[in-house]
C-alpha atoms as a PDB file:
ATOM      1  CA  MET A   1     -83.060-102.318 175.395  1.00  0.00           C
ATOM      2  CA  THR A   2     -82.425 -99.388 173.552  1.00  0.00           C
ATOM      3  CA  GLY A   3     -85.047 -97.037 172.053  1.00  0.00           C
ATOM      4  CA  PRO A   4     -85.703 -95.978 168.390  1.00  0.00           C
ATOM      5  CA  THR A   5     -82.387 -93.681 168.673  1.00  0.00           C
ATOM      6  CA  GLN A   6     -80.798 -92.543 171.701  1.00  0.00           C
ATOM      7  CA  SER A   7     -81.907 -88.883 170.675  1.00  0.00           C
ATOM      8  CA  ALA A   8     -85.500 -89.821 169.492  1.00  0.00           C
ATOM      9  CA  SER A   9     -87.924 -87.241 171.260  1.00  0.00           C
ATOM     10  CA  PRO A  10     -90.791 -89.094 173.272  1.00  0.00           C
ATOM     11  CA  GLY A  11     -93.485 -90.261 171.368  1.00  0.00           C
ATOM     12  CA  TRP A  12     -95.339 -93.667 169.800  1.00  0.00           C
ATOM     13  CA  TYR A  13     -93.414 -96.188 167.972  1.00  0.00           C
ATOM     14  CA  PRO A  14     -93.726 -99.393 166.972  1.00  0.00           C
ATOM     15  CA  ASP A  15     -93.291-102.238 169.533  1.00  0.00           C
ATOM     16  CA  PRO A  16     -89.939-103.806 169.367  1.00  0.00           C
ATOM     17  CA  HIS A  17     -91.608-106.853 171.397  1.00  0.00           C
ATOM     18  CA  VAL A  18     -94.432-107.307 168.895  1.00  0.00           C
ATOM     19  CA  PRO A  19     -93.272-107.458 165.519  1.00  0.00           C
ATOM     20  CA  GLY A  20     -95.944-106.385 163.174  1.00  0.00           C
ATOM     21  CA  GLY A  21     -98.408-105.430 165.898  1.00  0.00           C
ATOM     22  CA  GLY A  22     -99.141-102.239 168.027  1.00  0.00           C
ATOM     23  CA  GLN A  23     -96.914 -99.262 169.403  1.00  0.00           C
ATOM     24  CA  ARG A  24     -95.414 -98.622 172.952  1.00  0.00           C
ATOM     25  CA  TRP A  25     -94.198 -95.033 174.366  1.00  0.00           C
ATOM     26  CA  TRP A  26     -90.478 -94.041 173.972  1.00  0.00           C
ATOM     27  CA  ASP A  27     -90.316 -91.389 176.803  1.00  0.00           C
ATOM     28  CA  GLY A  28     -86.994 -90.032 175.276  1.00  0.00           C
ATOM     29  CA  SER A  29     -84.836 -92.165 177.091  1.00  0.00           C
ATOM     30  CA  ARG A  30     -86.358 -95.596 177.756  1.00  0.00           C
ATOM     31  CA  TRP A  31     -89.414 -97.841 176.718  1.00  0.00           C
ATOM     32  CA  THR A  32     -92.331 -97.339 178.927  1.00  0.00           C
ATOM     33  CA  ASP A  33     -95.087-100.164 179.774  1.00  0.00           C
ATOM     34  CA  HIS A  34     -97.678 -97.836 178.131  1.00  0.00           C
ATOM     35  CA  VAL A  35     -98.984 -99.976 174.694  1.00  0.00           C
ATOM     36  CA  GLN A  36    -101.916 -99.229 172.221  1.00  0.00           C
ATOM     37  CA  GLY A  37    -103.035-101.575 169.521  1.00  0.00           C
ATOM     38  CA  ALA A  38    -101.612-104.744 171.203  1.00  0.00           C
ATOM     39  CA  ALA A  39    -103.185-107.026 173.826  1.00  0.00           C
ATOM     40  CA  PRO A  40    -101.035-106.326 177.138  1.00  0.00           C
ATOM     41  CA  GLN A  41    -100.130-109.954 177.773  1.00  0.00           C
ATOM     42  CA  SER A  42     -98.054-109.516 174.680  1.00  0.00           C
ATOM     43  CA  VAL A  43     -95.809-107.508 176.584  1.00  0.00           C
ATOM     44  CA  PRO A  44     -92.788-109.390 178.042  1.00  0.00           C
ATOM     45  CA  THR A  45     -91.501-108.627 181.342  1.00  0.00           C
ATOM     46  CA  PRO A  46     -88.268-108.238 182.081  1.00  0.00           C
ATOM     47  CA  ALA A  47     -85.761-111.287 182.499  1.00  0.00           C
ATOM     48  CA  TRP A  48     -84.965-111.020 186.319  1.00  0.00           C
ATOM     49  CA  GLY A  49     -89.160-110.558 187.096  1.00  0.00           C
ATOM     50  CA  PRO A  50     -90.753-113.396 188.809  1.00  0.00           C
ATOM     51  CA  THR A  51     -92.766-114.631 186.021  1.00  0.00           C
ATOM     52  CA  ALA A  52     -89.935-114.369 183.537  1.00  0.00           C
ATOM     53  CA  VAL A  53     -87.265-116.900 182.603  1.00  0.00           C
ATOM     54  CA  ALA A  54     -83.294-115.420 182.786  1.00  0.00           C
ATOM     55  CA  GLY A  55     -81.114-116.806 179.840  1.00  0.00           C
ATOM     56  CA  ALA A  56     -79.143-120.395 180.488  1.00  0.00           C
ATOM     57  CA  ASP A  57     -76.095-118.213 180.994  1.00  0.00           C
ATOM     58  CA  ALA A  58     -77.480-115.789 183.761  1.00  0.00           C
ATOM     59  CA  LYS A  59     -79.298-119.034 185.399  1.00  0.00           C
ATOM     60  CA  GLN A  60     -75.975-120.887 185.718  1.00  0.00           C
ATOM     61  CA  TRP A  61     -73.891-117.661 187.221  1.00  0.00           C
ATOM     62  CA  ALA A  62     -77.054-117.113 189.599  1.00  0.00           C
ATOM     63  CA  MET A  63     -76.525-120.559 190.690  1.00  0.00           C
ATOM     64  CA  LEU A  64     -72.951-120.238 190.911  1.00  0.00           C
ATOM     65  CA  ALA A  65     -73.206-117.019 192.954  1.00  0.00           C
ATOM     66  CA  HIS A  66     -75.649-119.369 195.606  1.00  0.00           C
ATOM     67  CA  LEU A  67     -73.176-122.097 195.388  1.00  0.00           C
ATOM     68  CA  SER A  68     -69.670-120.032 195.496  1.00  0.00           C
ATOM     69  CA  ALA A  69     -70.738-119.613 199.082  1.00  0.00           C
ATOM     70  CA  ILE A  70     -70.465-123.362 199.934  1.00  0.00           C
ATOM     71  CA  ALA A  71     -67.266-123.351 198.329  1.00  0.00           C
ATOM     72  CA  SER A  72     -65.904-120.555 200.281  1.00  0.00           C
ATOM     73  CA  LEU A  73     -66.519-122.373 203.087  1.00  0.00           C
ATOM     74  CA  VAL A  74     -63.272-123.612 202.960  1.00  0.00           C
ATOM     75  CA  ILE A  75     -61.386-120.583 203.687  1.00  0.00           C
ATOM     76  CA  GLY A  76     -64.294-119.822 206.178  1.00  0.00           C
ATOM     77  CA  LEU A  77     -65.418-116.788 204.814  1.00  0.00           C
ATOM     78  CA  THR A  78     -68.660-117.820 202.839  1.00  0.00           C
ATOM     79  CA  PHE A  79     -69.359-114.067 201.321  1.00  0.00           C
ATOM     80  CA  VAL A  80     -65.845-114.450 199.309  1.00  0.00           C
ATOM     81  CA  GLY A  81     -67.506-116.328 196.300  1.00  0.00           C
ATOM     82  CA  PRO A  82     -70.839-114.359 196.040  1.00  0.00           C
ATOM     83  CA  LEU A  83     -68.655-111.073 196.301  1.00  0.00           C
ATOM     84  CA  ILE A  84     -66.316-112.306 193.677  1.00  0.00           C
ATOM     85  CA  VAL A  85     -69.453-113.416 191.075  1.00  0.00           C
ATOM     86  CA  TYR A  86     -71.052-109.851 192.256  1.00  0.00           C
ATOM     87  CA  LEU A  87     -67.974-107.910 191.175  1.00  0.00           C
ATOM     88  CA  ILE A  88     -67.460-109.969 187.766  1.00  0.00           C
ATOM     89  CA  LYS A  89     -71.215-109.661 186.669  1.00  0.00           C
ATOM     90  CA  LYS A  90     -72.916-106.965 188.249  1.00  0.00           C
ATOM     91  CA  ASP A  91     -72.815-104.910 185.259  1.00  0.00           C
ATOM     92  CA  VAL A  92     -73.504-107.604 182.589  1.00  0.00           C
ATOM     93  CA  ASP A  93     -76.871-109.061 183.765  1.00  0.00           C
ATOM     94  CA  PRO A  94     -79.783-107.490 185.993  1.00  0.00           C
ATOM     95  CA  TYR A  95     -80.643-111.107 187.168  1.00  0.00           C
ATOM     96  CA  VAL A  96     -77.151-112.648 188.035  1.00  0.00           C
ATOM     97  CA  ARG A  97     -76.817-109.019 189.967  1.00  0.00           C
ATOM     98  CA  GLN A  98     -79.477-109.363 192.087  1.00  0.00           C
ATOM     99  CA  GLN A  99     -78.865-112.939 192.625  1.00  0.00           C
ATOM    100  CA  ALA A 100     -75.466-112.520 193.789  1.00  0.00           C
ATOM    101  CA  ALA A 101     -76.161-109.257 195.967  1.00  0.00           C
ATOM    102  CA  GLU A 102     -78.685-111.285 197.472  1.00  0.00           C
ATOM    103  CA  ALA A 103     -76.536-114.264 198.183  1.00  0.00           C
ATOM    104  CA  LEU A 104     -73.580-111.682 199.299  1.00  0.00           C
ATOM    105  CA  ASN A 105     -76.429-110.053 201.757  1.00  0.00           C
ATOM    106  CA  PHE A 106     -77.303-113.556 203.383  1.00  0.00           C
ATOM    107  CA  ASN A 107     -73.605-114.786 203.619  1.00  0.00           C
ATOM    108  CA  LEU A 108     -72.774-111.288 205.494  1.00  0.00           C
ATOM    109  CA  SER A 109     -75.669-111.473 207.622  1.00  0.00           C
ATOM    110  CA  ALA A 110     -75.065-115.193 208.472  1.00  0.00           C
ATOM    111  CA  LEU A 111     -71.220-114.214 209.275  1.00  0.00           C
ATOM    112  CA  ILE A 112     -72.330-111.280 211.947  1.00  0.00           C
ATOM    113  CA  TYR A 113     -75.189-114.106 213.319  1.00  0.00           C
ATOM    114  CA  THR A 114     -72.170-116.602 213.500  1.00  0.00           C
ATOM    115  CA  MET A 115     -69.973-114.265 215.230  1.00  0.00           C
ATOM    116  CA  VAL A 116     -72.731-113.163 217.967  1.00  0.00           C
ATOM    117  CA  GLY A 117     -73.926-116.842 218.246  1.00  0.00           C
ATOM    118  CA  SER A 118     -70.440-118.053 218.833  1.00  0.00           C
ATOM    119  CA  LEU A 119     -69.887-115.341 221.739  1.00  0.00           C
ATOM    120  CA  VAL A 120     -73.042-116.357 223.169  1.00  0.00           C
ATOM    121  CA  LEU A 121     -71.927-120.219 223.072  1.00  0.00           C
ATOM    122  CA  VAL A 122     -68.794-119.452 224.549  1.00  0.00           C
ATOM    123  CA  VAL A 123     -70.045-117.525 227.212  1.00  0.00           C
ATOM    124  CA  GLY A 124     -72.556-120.024 227.852  1.00  0.00           C
ATOM    125  CA  ILE A 125     -70.315-122.850 228.078  1.00  0.00           C
ATOM    126  CA  LEU A 126     -68.336-121.270 230.649  1.00  0.00           C
ATOM    127  CA  LEU A 127     -71.434-120.759 232.656  1.00  0.00           C
ATOM    128  CA  ILE A 128     -72.100-125.044 231.923  1.00  0.00           C
ATOM    129  CA  VAL A 129     -75.705-123.834 230.472  1.00  0.00           C
ATOM    130  CA  GLY A 130     -74.175-123.005 227.169  1.00  0.00           C
ATOM    131  CA  ILE A 131     -73.760-127.178 226.502  1.00  0.00           C
ATOM    132  CA  LEU A 132     -77.639-127.007 225.768  1.00  0.00           C
ATOM    133  CA  LEU A 133     -77.108-124.368 222.974  1.00  0.00           C
ATOM    134  CA  ILE A 134     -74.570-127.052 220.904  1.00  0.00           C
ATOM    135  CA  PRO A 135     -77.490-128.616 219.290  1.00  0.00           C
ATOM    136  CA  VAL A 136     -78.848-125.218 218.290  1.00  0.00           C
ATOM    137  CA  ALA A 137     -75.623-124.215 216.884  1.00  0.00           C
ATOM    138  CA  VAL A 138     -75.557-127.487 214.609  1.00  0.00           C
ATOM    139  CA  ALA A 139     -78.867-126.868 213.452  1.00  0.00           C
ATOM    140  CA  ALA A 140     -78.230-123.319 212.471  1.00  0.00           C
ATOM    141  CA  ALA A 141     -75.397-124.641 210.454  1.00  0.00           C
ATOM    142  CA  VAL A 142     -77.645-127.439 208.503  1.00  0.00           C
ATOM    143  CA  ALA A 143     -80.150-124.868 207.963  1.00  0.00           C
ATOM    144  CA  TRP A 144     -77.652-122.497 206.360  1.00  0.00           C
ATOM    145  CA  LEU A 145     -76.540-125.445 204.287  1.00  0.00           C
ATOM    146  CA  VAL A 146     -79.927-126.207 202.874  1.00  0.00           C
ATOM    147  CA  ILE A 147     -81.145-122.499 202.516  1.00  0.00           C
ATOM    148  CA  VAL A 148     -78.165-122.248 200.127  1.00  0.00           C
ATOM    149  CA  ILE A 149     -78.985-125.020 198.050  1.00  0.00           C
ATOM    150  CA  VAL A 150     -82.717-124.370 197.827  1.00  0.00           C
ATOM    151  CA  ALA A 151     -81.462-120.781 196.541  1.00  0.00           C
ATOM    152  CA  SER A 152     -78.972-122.749 194.141  1.00  0.00           C
ATOM    153  CA  VAL A 153     -81.859-124.848 192.694  1.00  0.00           C
ATOM    154  CA  LYS A 154     -84.286-121.728 192.409  1.00  0.00           C
ATOM    155  CA  ALA A 155     -81.821-119.666 190.632  1.00  0.00           C
ATOM    156  CA  SER A 156     -80.685-122.628 188.249  1.00  0.00           C
ATOM    157  CA  LYS A 157     -84.525-122.311 186.994  1.00  0.00           C
ATOM    158  CA  GLY A 158     -84.441-118.483 186.829  1.00  0.00           C
ATOM    159  CA  GLU A 159     -86.603-117.956 189.576  1.00  0.00           C
ATOM    160  CA  PRO A 160     -85.821-114.995 191.923  1.00  0.00           C
ATOM    161  CA  TYR A 161     -84.802-116.105 195.614  1.00  0.00           C
ATOM    162  CA  ARG A 162     -85.197-114.136 198.524  1.00  0.00           C
ATOM    163  CA  TYR A 163     -83.165-115.326 201.745  1.00  0.00           C
ATOM    164  CA  PRO A 164     -84.937-115.207 205.241  1.00  0.00           C
ATOM    165  CA  LEU A 165     -83.471-112.777 208.053  1.00  0.00           C
ATOM    166  CA  THR A 166     -81.124-111.224 205.596  1.00  0.00           C
ATOM    167  CA  ILE A 167     -79.782-107.984 206.154  1.00  0.00           C
ATOM    168  CA  ARG A 168     -79.679-105.871 202.808  1.00  0.00           C
ATOM    169  CA  PHE A 169     -76.218-104.572 202.727  1.00  0.00           C
ATOM    170  CA  VAL A 170     -75.905-104.610 199.007  1.00  0.00           C
ATOM    171  CA  ASN A 171     -78.964-103.705 196.237  1.00  0.00           C
END
């Protein structure tokens, strides 16, 4: 959102969100949350906030960021799809950027967990006790799939989703 003009000095200006009502403080570079003459509930929240609804295009791209991990499973690197969406849309929509970064972070974390888990599994199998870990590995793979699908559904509804057990590499 832009201000009255890019060179306008700080001050109270008509609120662009509420036609014909209230004023909002312009700090010289952006609108603030300070309003007067209008009910506080009339101030909209950003499209990427937890209570706001993102646009249809943003919802589709956010959902694609999550689902692209499943498509990337074909090449064995689940982070490639979210990385592509992140690079394409990171400067276009803040909601898509946040969800693509979240999917990218989760899938990079899952790659690390998979590598360490595979090493433990192979060593365990060599010691014969690792056979008991095979059901755990299968359960982890199913959990990954379920979590990605849940994230995709939430993103398609415009709801931000935070993956569990995620190392935050990209913001």
